[in-house]
Amino acid sequence: MWTTITEHITIDREQRSVRKDGQEVHLTGLEYGLLDFLTAHPNRICTRQELLDHIWGDRFQYDTGTIDVHLNALRRKMGWDVKHPVKAIRGIGLIFQVEQSVMQHTIDLPLFLAEWLKSHEVEIRSAGLVPQMNMTPFVNELTIEPKALRTLLDGVLAALMPGAKPGVLRLSSRLTMHHFSLSLDINGTRNELIVPLE
């Protein structure tokens, strides 16, 4: 059964076939896996580790550039120019963008924050800090513009790091009826980011 992904792309997931403007596109198994996974999660950040786990399995534990190689091949075969729908979010992963009335994306929060901590691992550890993450178990996804969230987190971390003493960096979350909040605590110095829920 063919599923319409965008105006130009359709996928038959049972037959693992892809068509662009009605013409079949021949993809390798890994190229198809990458396209299939990304299009199954539109407007959601898919972290590089998540892509490796779901598509490559045990063959790769760390991304040594193989995702980018297959993504470039996929872009070429799909004939995507600079306005292609797959965007790289630096230090986090990839996102398959489809038109939305509001430019927001649903992100898997624990994965996003784990990748964010990993991207700052050197500066956190050089300050003698041990990162910890405590997410409320019932908050798995959040709809927010990921660059805005990352900018807020980076700003808070930059403000805390210059005076940080060796100890523990704690990242935690809280959900109420009116807002979602993220707390970043370094040795008792706490900053909270609040996202209103509409």
N, C-alpha and C. Protein backbone atom coordinates (compact mmCIF):
# COMPACT_ATOMS: atom_id res chain seq x y z
N MET A 1 0.84 -1.17 0.00
CA MET A 1 0.00 0.00 0.00
C MET A 1 0.89 1.25 0.00
N TRP A 2 0.60 2.16 -0.90
CA TRP A 2 1.41 3.36 -1.03
C TRP A 2 0.93 4.44 -0.07
N THR A 3 1.88 5.04 0.62
CA THR A 3 1.59 6.11 1.56
C THR A 3 2.22 7.40 1.05
N THR A 4 1.44 8.48 1.00
CA THR A 4 1.96 9.77 0.55
C THR A 4 2.70 10.43 1.71
N ILE A 5 3.97 10.72 1.47
CA ILE A 5 4.80 11.36 2.50
C ILE A 5 4.83 12.87 2.30
N THR A 6 5.09 13.28 1.07
CA THR A 6 5.03 14.69 0.70
C THR A 6 4.30 14.77 -0.64
N GLU A 7 4.22 15.94 -1.17
CA GLU A 7 3.58 16.13 -2.48
C GLU A 7 4.27 15.30 -3.56
N HIS A 8 5.57 15.05 -3.40
CA HIS A 8 6.36 14.36 -4.43
C HIS A 8 6.74 12.93 -4.08
N ILE A 9 6.67 12.55 -2.79
CA ILE A 9 7.21 11.26 -2.36
C ILE A 9 6.11 10.34 -1.85
N THR A 10 6.11 9.08 -2.33
CA THR A 10 5.23 8.04 -1.80
C THR A 10 6.08 6.83 -1.44
N ILE A 11 5.66 6.10 -0.41
CA ILE A 11 6.40 4.93 0.06
C ILE A 11 5.44 3.75 0.22
N ASP A 12 5.88 2.60 -0.24
CA ASP A 12 5.18 1.34 0.04
C ASP A 12 6.05 0.60 1.05
N ARG A 13 5.67 0.67 2.31
CA ARG A 13 6.52 0.10 3.37
C ARG A 13 6.52 -1.42 3.36
N GLU A 14 5.48 -2.05 2.84
CA GLU A 14 5.47 -3.51 2.75
C GLU A 14 6.46 -4.00 1.70
N GLN A 15 6.52 -3.30 0.58
CA GLN A 15 7.43 -3.69 -0.51
C GLN A 15 8.78 -2.98 -0.43
N ARG A 16 8.90 -2.05 0.54
CA ARG A 16 10.13 -1.26 0.69
C ARG A 16 10.48 -0.53 -0.61
N SER A 17 9.47 0.11 -1.18
CA SER A 17 9.63 0.83 -2.44
C SER A 17 9.34 2.31 -2.24
N VAL A 18 10.03 3.12 -3.03
CA VAL A 18 9.89 4.57 -2.94
C VAL A 18 9.67 5.12 -4.34
N ARG A 19 8.75 6.06 -4.46
CA ARG A 19 8.53 6.76 -5.73
C ARG A 19 8.61 8.25 -5.50
N LYS A 20 9.22 8.91 -6.48
CA LYS A 20 9.24 10.37 -6.48
C LYS A 20 8.56 10.82 -7.76
N ASP A 21 7.49 11.60 -7.63
CA ASP A 21 6.70 12.05 -8.77
C ASP A 21 6.28 10.87 -9.65
N GLY A 22 5.93 9.75 -9.01
CA GLY A 22 5.44 8.58 -9.72
C GLY A 22 6.51 7.66 -10.27
N GLN A 23 7.77 8.09 -10.23
CA GLN A 23 8.88 7.28 -10.75
C GLN A 23 9.59 6.57 -9.60
N GLU A 24 9.83 5.26 -9.77
CA GLU A 24 10.49 4.51 -8.72
C GLU A 24 11.94 4.96 -8.54
N VAL A 25 12.34 5.07 -7.30
CA VAL A 25 13.71 5.45 -6.96
C VAL A 25 14.37 4.22 -6.36
N HIS A 26 15.49 3.79 -6.93
CA HIS A 26 16.18 2.59 -6.43
C HIS A 26 17.15 2.98 -5.32
N LEU A 27 16.85 2.50 -4.11
CA LEU A 27 17.67 2.81 -2.95
C LEU A 27 18.28 1.53 -2.39
N THR A 28 19.45 1.66 -1.77
CA THR A 28 20.03 0.52 -1.07
C THR A 28 19.21 0.28 0.20
N GLY A 29 19.43 -0.83 0.87
CA GLY A 29 18.70 -1.13 2.09
C GLY A 29 18.89 -0.08 3.17
N LEU A 30 20.12 0.41 3.32
CA LEU A 30 20.39 1.41 4.35
C LEU A 30 19.82 2.77 3.98
N GLU A 31 19.87 3.13 2.69
CA GLU A 31 19.27 4.39 2.25
C GLU A 31 17.76 4.36 2.47
N TYR A 32 17.14 3.22 2.13
CA TYR A 32 15.70 3.09 2.35
C TYR A 32 15.40 3.16 3.85
N GLY A 33 16.19 2.46 4.66
CA GLY A 33 15.98 2.47 6.11
C GLY A 33 16.03 3.87 6.68
N LEU A 34 16.99 4.67 6.19
CA LEU A 34 17.13 6.04 6.66
C LEU A 34 15.90 6.87 6.28
N LEU A 35 15.49 6.77 5.01
CA LEU A 35 14.31 7.52 4.56
C LEU A 35 13.05 7.05 5.28
N ASP A 36 12.90 5.75 5.42
CA ASP A 36 11.72 5.19 6.07
C ASP A 36 11.60 5.67 7.51
N PHE A 37 12.70 5.60 8.25
CA PHE A 37 12.66 5.98 9.66
C PHE A 37 12.38 7.47 9.82
N LEU A 38 13.06 8.29 9.01
CA LEU A 38 12.87 9.74 9.12
C LEU A 38 11.44 10.15 8.75
N THR A 39 10.91 9.55 7.67
CA THR A 39 9.55 9.92 7.24
C THR A 39 8.47 9.36 8.16
N ALA A 40 8.81 8.32 8.91
CA ALA A 40 7.86 7.77 9.88
C ALA A 40 7.78 8.67 11.13
N HIS A 41 8.74 9.58 11.26
CA HIS A 41 8.78 10.50 12.41
C HIS A 41 8.92 11.94 11.90
N PRO A 42 7.95 12.44 11.13
CA PRO A 42 8.09 13.79 10.55
C PRO A 42 8.13 14.88 11.62
N ASN A 43 8.94 15.90 11.35
CA ASN A 43 9.06 17.06 12.24
C ASN A 43 9.46 16.68 13.66
N ARG A 44 10.22 15.61 13.77
CA ARG A 44 10.71 15.16 15.07
C ARG A 44 12.21 14.93 14.95
N ILE A 45 12.97 15.42 15.91
CA ILE A 45 14.40 15.20 15.90
C ILE A 45 14.69 13.73 16.09
N CYS A 46 15.42 13.13 15.15
CA CYS A 46 15.89 11.75 15.29
C CYS A 46 17.38 11.83 15.57
N THR A 47 17.80 11.45 16.75
CA THR A 47 19.21 11.57 17.10
C THR A 47 20.04 10.58 16.29
N ARG A 48 21.31 10.88 16.16
CA ARG A 48 22.20 10.00 15.41
C ARG A 48 22.28 8.62 16.04
N GLN A 49 22.29 8.57 17.37
CA GLN A 49 22.35 7.27 18.04
C GLN A 49 21.08 6.48 17.79
N GLU A 50 19.96 7.16 17.79
CA GLU A 50 18.67 6.50 17.52
C GLU A 50 18.66 5.92 16.10
N LEU A 51 19.18 6.68 15.13
CA LEU A 51 19.25 6.20 13.75
C LEU A 51 20.16 4.98 13.64
N LEU A 52 21.32 5.04 14.30
CA LEU A 52 22.24 3.90 14.28
C LEU A 52 21.58 2.66 14.88
N ASP A 53 20.92 2.84 16.01
CA ASP A 53 20.29 1.70 16.70
C ASP A 53 19.20 1.06 15.85
N HIS A 54 18.36 1.88 15.22
CA HIS A 54 17.22 1.35 14.48
C HIS A 54 17.55 0.86 13.08
N ILE A 55 18.55 1.47 12.44
CA ILE A 55 18.85 1.13 11.04
C ILE A 55 20.08 0.23 10.92
N TRP A 56 21.14 0.58 11.64
CA TRP A 56 22.38 -0.18 11.53
C TRP A 56 22.48 -1.30 12.57
N GLY A 57 21.72 -1.17 13.65
CA GLY A 57 21.75 -2.20 14.68
C GLY A 57 23.10 -2.29 15.36
N ASP A 58 23.59 -3.51 15.53
CA ASP A 58 24.86 -3.74 16.24
C ASP A 58 26.09 -3.49 15.38
N ARG A 59 25.88 -3.19 14.09
CA ARG A 59 27.04 -3.02 13.21
C ARG A 59 27.87 -1.79 13.56
N PHE A 60 27.19 -0.74 14.05
CA PHE A 60 27.91 0.47 14.44
C PHE A 60 27.42 0.92 15.80
N GLN A 61 28.35 1.17 16.72
CA GLN A 61 27.97 1.72 18.02
C GLN A 61 28.15 3.22 18.04
N TYR A 62 29.03 3.73 17.18
CA TYR A 62 29.30 5.16 17.12
C TYR A 62 29.20 5.62 15.68
N ASP A 63 28.70 6.84 15.50
CA ASP A 63 28.57 7.39 14.15
C ASP A 63 29.93 7.89 13.68
N THR A 64 30.52 7.18 12.75
CA THR A 64 31.83 7.56 12.22
C THR A 64 31.69 8.28 10.89
N GLY A 65 30.49 8.78 10.60
CA GLY A 65 30.24 9.47 9.34
C GLY A 65 29.37 8.67 8.40
N THR A 66 29.04 7.44 8.77
CA THR A 66 28.26 6.59 7.87
C THR A 66 26.86 7.16 7.61
N ILE A 67 26.26 7.82 8.61
CA ILE A 67 24.94 8.42 8.41
C ILE A 67 25.02 9.49 7.34
N ASP A 68 26.04 10.34 7.41
CA ASP A 68 26.18 11.42 6.43
C ASP A 68 26.42 10.89 5.02
N VAL A 69 27.21 9.81 4.92
CA VAL A 69 27.48 9.21 3.61
C VAL A 69 26.18 8.73 2.98
N HIS A 70 25.36 8.00 3.75
CA HIS A 70 24.10 7.48 3.22
C HIS A 70 23.08 8.59 3.01
N LEU A 71 23.11 9.62 3.84
CA LEU A 71 22.20 10.74 3.65
C LEU A 71 22.53 11.48 2.36
N ASN A 72 23.81 11.69 2.08
CA ASN A 72 24.21 12.35 0.83
C ASN A 72 23.79 11.54 -0.39
N ALA A 73 23.95 10.23 -0.31
CA ALA A 73 23.52 9.36 -1.42
C ALA A 73 22.01 9.43 -1.59
N LEU A 74 21.28 9.45 -0.48
CA LEU A 74 19.82 9.54 -0.52
C LEU A 74 19.39 10.87 -1.16
N ARG A 75 20.02 11.96 -0.75
CA ARG A 75 19.69 13.27 -1.33
C ARG A 75 19.93 13.28 -2.83
N ARG A 76 21.03 12.69 -3.25
CA ARG A 76 21.38 12.65 -4.68
C ARG A 76 20.34 11.84 -5.46
N LYS A 77 19.99 10.66 -4.95
CA LYS A 77 19.04 9.80 -5.67
C LYS A 77 17.62 10.38 -5.68
N MET A 78 17.28 11.12 -4.63
CA MET A 78 15.95 11.73 -4.58
C MET A 78 15.90 13.04 -5.37
N GLY A 79 17.06 13.49 -5.83
CA GLY A 79 17.11 14.73 -6.59
C GLY A 79 16.81 15.96 -5.77
N TRP A 80 17.14 15.89 -4.47
CA TRP A 80 16.87 17.02 -3.59
C TRP A 80 17.94 18.08 -3.77
N ASP A 81 17.52 19.32 -3.96
CA ASP A 81 18.47 20.42 -4.05
C ASP A 81 18.66 21.00 -2.65
N VAL A 82 19.05 22.25 -2.57
CA VAL A 82 19.32 22.86 -1.26
C VAL A 82 18.07 22.97 -0.40
N LYS A 83 16.88 22.84 -0.99
CA LYS A 83 15.65 22.94 -0.22
C LYS A 83 15.09 21.57 0.15
N HIS A 84 15.97 20.58 0.26
CA HIS A 84 15.52 19.23 0.58
C HIS A 84 14.92 19.18 1.98
N PRO A 85 14.02 18.20 2.24
CA PRO A 85 13.31 18.16 3.52
C PRO A 85 14.10 17.63 4.71
N VAL A 86 15.25 16.99 4.49
CA VAL A 86 16.02 16.44 5.61
C VAL A 86 17.06 17.47 6.05
N LYS A 87 16.94 17.90 7.29
CA LYS A 87 17.86 18.89 7.83
C LYS A 87 18.69 18.27 8.95
N ALA A 88 19.95 18.67 9.01
CA ALA A 88 20.83 18.22 10.10
C ALA A 88 20.77 19.26 11.22
N ILE A 89 20.53 18.79 12.43
CA ILE A 89 20.57 19.66 13.61
C ILE A 89 21.90 19.39 14.28
N ARG A 90 22.81 20.33 14.17
CA ARG A 90 24.19 20.12 14.60
C ARG A 90 24.29 19.64 16.04
N GLY A 91 25.02 18.57 16.21
CA GLY A 91 25.25 18.02 17.54
C GLY A 91 24.10 17.19 18.08
N ILE A 92 23.00 17.09 17.31
CA ILE A 92 21.83 16.36 17.79
C ILE A 92 21.45 15.23 16.85
N GLY A 93 21.05 15.55 15.62
CA GLY A 93 20.61 14.50 14.70
C GLY A 93 19.99 15.06 13.44
N LEU A 94 19.00 14.36 12.90
CA LEU A 94 18.35 14.73 11.65
C LEU A 94 16.85 14.89 11.86
N ILE A 95 16.25 15.69 10.97
CA ILE A 95 14.81 15.88 11.02
C ILE A 95 14.26 15.93 9.61
N PHE A 96 13.16 15.23 9.38
CA PHE A 96 12.47 15.25 8.09
C PHE A 96 11.35 16.27 8.23
N GLN A 97 11.50 17.42 7.57
CA GLN A 97 10.55 18.51 7.74
C GLN A 97 9.44 18.44 6.71
N VAL A 98 8.22 18.54 7.20
CA VAL A 98 7.07 18.71 6.33
C VAL A 98 6.37 19.98 6.76
N GLU A 99 5.59 20.55 5.87
CA GLU A 99 4.96 21.82 6.14
C GLU A 99 4.04 21.74 7.35
N GLN A 100 4.15 22.73 8.21
CA GLN A 100 3.26 22.86 9.35
C GLN A 100 2.85 24.32 9.46
N SER A 101 1.70 24.55 10.02
CA SER A 101 1.25 25.93 10.17
C SER A 101 2.11 26.68 11.18
N VAL A 102 2.64 25.95 12.15
CA VAL A 102 3.53 26.54 13.14
C VAL A 102 4.85 25.78 13.09
N MET A 103 5.96 26.52 13.05
CA MET A 103 7.26 25.86 12.97
C MET A 103 7.68 25.32 14.34
N GLN A 104 7.05 24.22 14.70
CA GLN A 104 7.41 23.54 15.93
C GLN A 104 7.65 22.08 15.60
N HIS A 105 8.37 21.40 16.45
CA HIS A 105 8.70 20.01 16.21
C HIS A 105 8.51 19.23 17.50
N THR A 106 8.07 17.99 17.35
CA THR A 106 7.96 17.13 18.51
C THR A 106 9.30 16.44 18.69
N ILE A 107 9.90 16.63 19.84
CA ILE A 107 11.19 16.01 20.10
C ILE A 107 11.07 15.00 21.23
N ASP A 108 11.82 13.93 21.11
CA ASP A 108 11.91 12.94 22.18
C ASP A 108 12.84 13.55 23.22
N LEU A 109 12.26 14.05 24.28
CA LEU A 109 13.01 14.87 25.24
C LEU A 109 14.21 14.17 25.88
N PRO A 110 14.04 12.96 26.44
CA PRO A 110 15.21 12.32 27.05
C PRO A 110 16.36 12.12 26.06
N LEU A 111 16.04 11.71 24.81
CA LEU A 111 17.10 11.53 23.81
C LEU A 111 17.75 12.86 23.45
N PHE A 112 16.93 13.90 23.26
CA PHE A 112 17.44 15.22 22.93
C PHE A 112 18.40 15.71 24.01
N LEU A 113 17.98 15.60 25.26
CA LEU A 113 18.81 16.09 26.37
C LEU A 113 20.06 15.24 26.58
N ALA A 114 19.94 13.93 26.35
CA ALA A 114 21.13 13.09 26.44
C ALA A 114 22.15 13.49 25.39
N GLU A 115 21.67 13.78 24.17
CA GLU A 115 22.58 14.22 23.10
C GLU A 115 23.16 15.59 23.42
N TRP A 116 22.34 16.45 24.02
CA TRP A 116 22.83 17.78 24.39
C TRP A 116 23.93 17.68 25.43
N LEU A 117 23.71 16.85 26.46
CA LEU A 117 24.75 16.64 27.47
C LEU A 117 26.02 16.08 26.84
N LYS A 118 25.85 15.13 25.91
CA LYS A 118 27.00 14.51 25.25
C LYS A 118 27.78 15.55 24.44
N SER A 119 27.06 16.48 23.79
CA SER A 119 27.75 17.47 22.97
C SER A 119 28.54 18.47 23.81
N HIS A 120 28.22 18.56 25.12
CA HIS A 120 28.96 19.45 26.02
C HIS A 120 29.82 18.66 27.01
N GLU A 121 30.05 17.39 26.72
CA GLU A 121 30.74 16.52 27.67
C GLU A 121 32.12 17.03 28.04
N VAL A 122 32.88 17.52 27.06
CA VAL A 122 34.25 17.97 27.33
C VAL A 122 34.27 19.13 28.32
N GLU A 123 33.46 20.16 28.06
CA GLU A 123 33.48 21.33 28.95
C GLU A 123 32.90 21.01 30.33
N ILE A 124 31.90 20.11 30.37
CA ILE A 124 31.32 19.73 31.66
C ILE A 124 32.34 18.95 32.49
N ARG A 125 32.99 17.98 31.87
CA ARG A 125 33.97 17.17 32.61
C ARG A 125 35.24 17.96 32.95
N SER A 126 35.62 18.90 32.07
CA SER A 126 36.82 19.70 32.37
C SER A 126 36.59 20.60 33.58
N ALA A 127 35.32 20.88 33.88
CA ALA A 127 35.01 21.66 35.09
C ALA A 127 34.92 20.76 36.32
N GLY A 128 35.15 19.45 36.11
CA GLY A 128 35.10 18.51 37.22
C GLY A 128 33.69 18.13 37.62
N LEU A 129 32.74 18.31 36.71
CA LEU A 129 31.35 18.00 37.02
C LEU A 129 30.95 16.63 36.49
N VAL A 130 30.03 16.00 37.19
CA VAL A 130 29.47 14.72 36.77
C VAL A 130 28.03 14.97 36.35
N PRO A 131 27.67 14.77 35.06
CA PRO A 131 26.29 15.05 34.64
C PRO A 131 25.31 13.98 35.09
N GLN A 132 24.14 14.43 35.53
CA GLN A 132 23.05 13.52 35.90
C GLN A 132 21.77 14.03 35.25
N MET A 133 20.89 13.10 34.86
CA MET A 133 19.63 13.50 34.23
C MET A 133 18.48 12.78 34.90
N ASN A 134 17.49 13.53 35.35
CA ASN A 134 16.32 12.95 36.00
C ASN A 134 15.07 13.50 35.34
N MET A 135 14.51 12.73 34.39
CA MET A 135 13.33 13.18 33.67
C MET A 135 12.09 12.52 34.28
N THR A 136 11.01 13.31 34.39
CA THR A 136 9.77 12.72 34.87
C THR A 136 9.35 11.64 33.88
N PRO A 137 9.04 10.43 34.35
CA PRO A 137 8.83 9.30 33.45
C PRO A 137 7.66 9.44 32.49
N PHE A 138 6.67 10.29 32.80
CA PHE A 138 5.52 10.40 31.92
C PHE A 138 5.68 11.51 30.88
N VAL A 139 6.82 12.19 30.87
CA VAL A 139 7.08 13.21 29.86
C VAL A 139 8.10 12.65 28.89
N ASN A 140 7.64 12.14 27.77
CA ASN A 140 8.55 11.56 26.79
C ASN A 140 8.80 12.48 25.60
N GLU A 141 7.79 13.24 25.24
CA GLU A 141 7.93 14.11 24.07
C GLU A 141 7.41 15.50 24.40
N LEU A 142 7.96 16.47 23.70
CA LEU A 142 7.56 17.86 23.90
C LEU A 142 7.56 18.53 22.54
N THR A 143 6.53 19.32 22.26
CA THR A 143 6.48 20.04 20.99
C THR A 143 7.05 21.43 21.21
N ILE A 144 8.20 21.66 20.62
CA ILE A 144 8.91 22.94 20.77
C ILE A 144 9.92 23.03 19.64
N GLU A 145 10.30 24.25 19.29
CA GLU A 145 11.31 24.43 18.26
C GLU A 145 12.66 24.03 18.87
N PRO A 146 13.33 22.99 18.33
CA PRO A 146 14.53 22.46 18.97
C PRO A 146 15.68 23.45 19.06
N LYS A 147 15.85 24.31 18.06
CA LYS A 147 16.94 25.28 18.12
C LYS A 147 16.72 26.26 19.27
N ALA A 148 15.47 26.62 19.51
CA ALA A 148 15.17 27.54 20.62
C ALA A 148 15.50 26.89 21.95
N LEU A 149 15.13 25.61 22.10
CA LEU A 149 15.42 24.89 23.34
C LEU A 149 16.92 24.76 23.54
N ARG A 150 17.64 24.42 22.49
CA ARG A 150 19.09 24.28 22.59
C ARG A 150 19.75 25.61 22.94
N THR A 151 19.28 26.70 22.33
CA THR A 151 19.84 28.03 22.62
C THR A 151 19.63 28.39 24.09
N LEU A 152 18.43 28.09 24.61
CA LEU A 152 18.16 28.36 26.02
C LEU A 152 19.08 27.54 26.93
N LEU A 153 19.20 26.25 26.62
CA LEU A 153 20.06 25.38 27.43
C LEU A 153 21.51 25.82 27.36
N ASP A 154 21.99 26.15 26.15
CA ASP A 154 23.37 26.59 26.00
C ASP A 154 23.62 27.88 26.77
N GLY A 155 22.62 28.79 26.76
CA GLY A 155 22.77 30.05 27.48
C GLY A 155 22.86 29.84 28.98
N VAL A 156 22.03 28.94 29.50
CA VAL A 156 22.06 28.66 30.94
C VAL A 156 23.39 28.01 31.32
N LEU A 157 23.83 27.05 30.51
CA LEU A 157 25.09 26.37 30.81
C LEU A 157 26.26 27.35 30.76
N ALA A 158 26.27 28.24 29.76
CA ALA A 158 27.34 29.23 29.64
C ALA A 158 27.38 30.14 30.87
N ALA A 159 26.21 30.49 31.39
CA ALA A 159 26.16 31.36 32.57
C ALA A 159 26.65 30.64 33.82
N LEU A 160 26.42 29.35 33.90
CA LEU A 160 26.81 28.59 35.09
C LEU A 160 28.27 28.14 35.06
N MET A 161 28.78 27.82 33.90
CA MET A 161 30.10 27.19 33.80
C MET A 161 31.27 28.01 34.31
N PRO A 162 31.33 29.35 34.04
CA PRO A 162 32.53 30.09 34.47
C PRO A 162 32.82 29.98 35.96
N GLY A 163 31.78 29.97 36.79
CA GLY A 163 32.02 29.89 38.22
C GLY A 163 31.78 28.52 38.82
N ALA A 164 31.61 27.52 37.96
CA ALA A 164 31.29 26.18 38.46
C ALA A 164 32.48 25.56 39.19
N LYS A 165 32.18 24.93 40.31
CA LYS A 165 33.19 24.19 41.05
C LYS A 165 32.95 22.71 40.85
N PRO A 166 33.97 21.88 40.99
CA PRO A 166 33.77 20.43 40.82
C PRO A 166 32.59 19.94 41.63
N GLY A 167 31.81 19.07 41.02
CA GLY A 167 30.62 18.57 41.70
C GLY A 167 29.70 17.87 40.74
N VAL A 168 28.41 18.19 40.82
CA VAL A 168 27.40 17.49 40.02
C VAL A 168 26.55 18.49 39.25
N LEU A 169 26.32 18.18 37.97
CA LEU A 169 25.39 18.93 37.14
C LEU A 169 24.13 18.08 37.02
N ARG A 170 23.01 18.60 37.50
CA ARG A 170 21.75 17.84 37.46
C ARG A 170 20.78 18.50 36.49
N LEU A 171 20.23 17.68 35.62
CA LEU A 171 19.23 18.13 34.67
C LEU A 171 17.94 17.39 35.02
N SER A 172 16.88 18.13 35.33
CA SER A 172 15.63 17.48 35.72
C SER A 172 14.44 18.17 35.06
N SER A 173 13.28 17.51 35.08
CA SER A 173 12.09 18.06 34.45
C SER A 173 10.91 17.98 35.39
N ARG A 174 9.91 18.83 35.11
CA ARG A 174 8.69 18.83 35.91
C ARG A 174 7.53 19.23 35.01
N LEU A 175 6.39 18.58 35.18
CA LEU A 175 5.21 18.87 34.38
C LEU A 175 4.05 19.23 35.29
N THR A 176 3.42 20.37 35.02
CA THR A 176 2.19 20.74 35.73
C THR A 176 1.08 20.88 34.69
N MET A 177 -0.09 21.30 35.12
CA MET A 177 -1.20 21.48 34.18
C MET A 177 -0.94 22.67 33.25
N HIS A 178 -0.07 23.59 33.69
CA HIS A 178 0.10 24.84 32.95
C HIS A 178 1.44 24.99 32.24
N HIS A 179 2.45 24.26 32.68
CA HIS A 179 3.75 24.42 32.03
C HIS A 179 4.63 23.18 32.22
N PHE A 180 5.64 23.13 31.37
CA PHE A 180 6.68 22.11 31.48
C PHE A 180 7.96 22.86 31.83
N SER A 181 8.74 22.37 32.77
CA SER A 181 9.97 23.07 33.12
C SER A 181 11.16 22.13 33.13
N LEU A 182 12.29 22.69 32.77
CA LEU A 182 13.57 21.99 32.84
C LEU A 182 14.44 22.74 33.83
N SER A 183 15.09 22.01 34.71
CA SER A 183 15.96 22.64 35.69
C SER A 183 17.39 22.18 35.47
N LEU A 184 18.30 23.14 35.50
CA LEU A 184 19.72 22.86 35.37
C LEU A 184 20.37 23.34 36.68
N ASP A 185 20.93 22.41 37.42
CA ASP A 185 21.48 22.71 38.74
C ASP A 185 22.95 22.30 38.78
N ILE A 186 23.82 23.25 39.13
CA ILE A 186 25.23 22.95 39.33
C ILE A 186 25.57 23.30 40.76
N ASN A 187 25.79 22.27 41.57
CA ASN A 187 26.18 22.46 42.96
C ASN A 187 25.26 23.41 43.71
N GLY A 188 23.96 23.29 43.47
CA GLY A 188 23.01 24.12 44.19
C GLY A 188 22.63 25.41 43.49
N THR A 189 23.37 25.81 42.46
CA THR A 189 23.00 26.99 41.68
C THR A 189 22.04 26.52 40.60
N ARG A 190 20.79 26.99 40.70
CA ARG A 190 19.75 26.44 39.85
C ARG A 190 19.19 27.47 38.88
N ASN A 191 19.00 27.04 37.64
CA ASN A 191 18.32 27.83 36.62
C ASN A 191 17.20 26.99 36.06
N GLU A 192 16.04 27.60 35.87
CA GLU A 192 14.88 26.85 35.38
C GLU A 192 14.37 27.46 34.09
N LEU A 193 14.09 26.60 33.12
CA LEU A 193 13.50 27.01 31.85
C LEU A 193 12.05 26.55 31.87
N ILE A 194 11.14 27.48 31.60
CA ILE A 194 9.72 27.15 31.66
C ILE A 194 9.09 27.27 30.27
N VAL A 195 8.40 26.20 29.86
CA VAL A 195 7.72 26.16 28.57
C VAL A 195 6.22 26.11 28.86
N PRO A 196 5.46 27.19 28.55
CA PRO A 196 4.00 27.15 28.79
C PRO A 196 3.33 26.10 27.93
N LEU A 197 2.31 25.45 28.49
CA LEU A 197 1.53 24.47 27.75
C LEU A 197 0.20 25.11 27.39
N GLU A 198 -0.09 25.11 26.07
CA GLU A 198 -1.34 25.74 25.61
C GLU A 198 -2.44 24.72 25.55
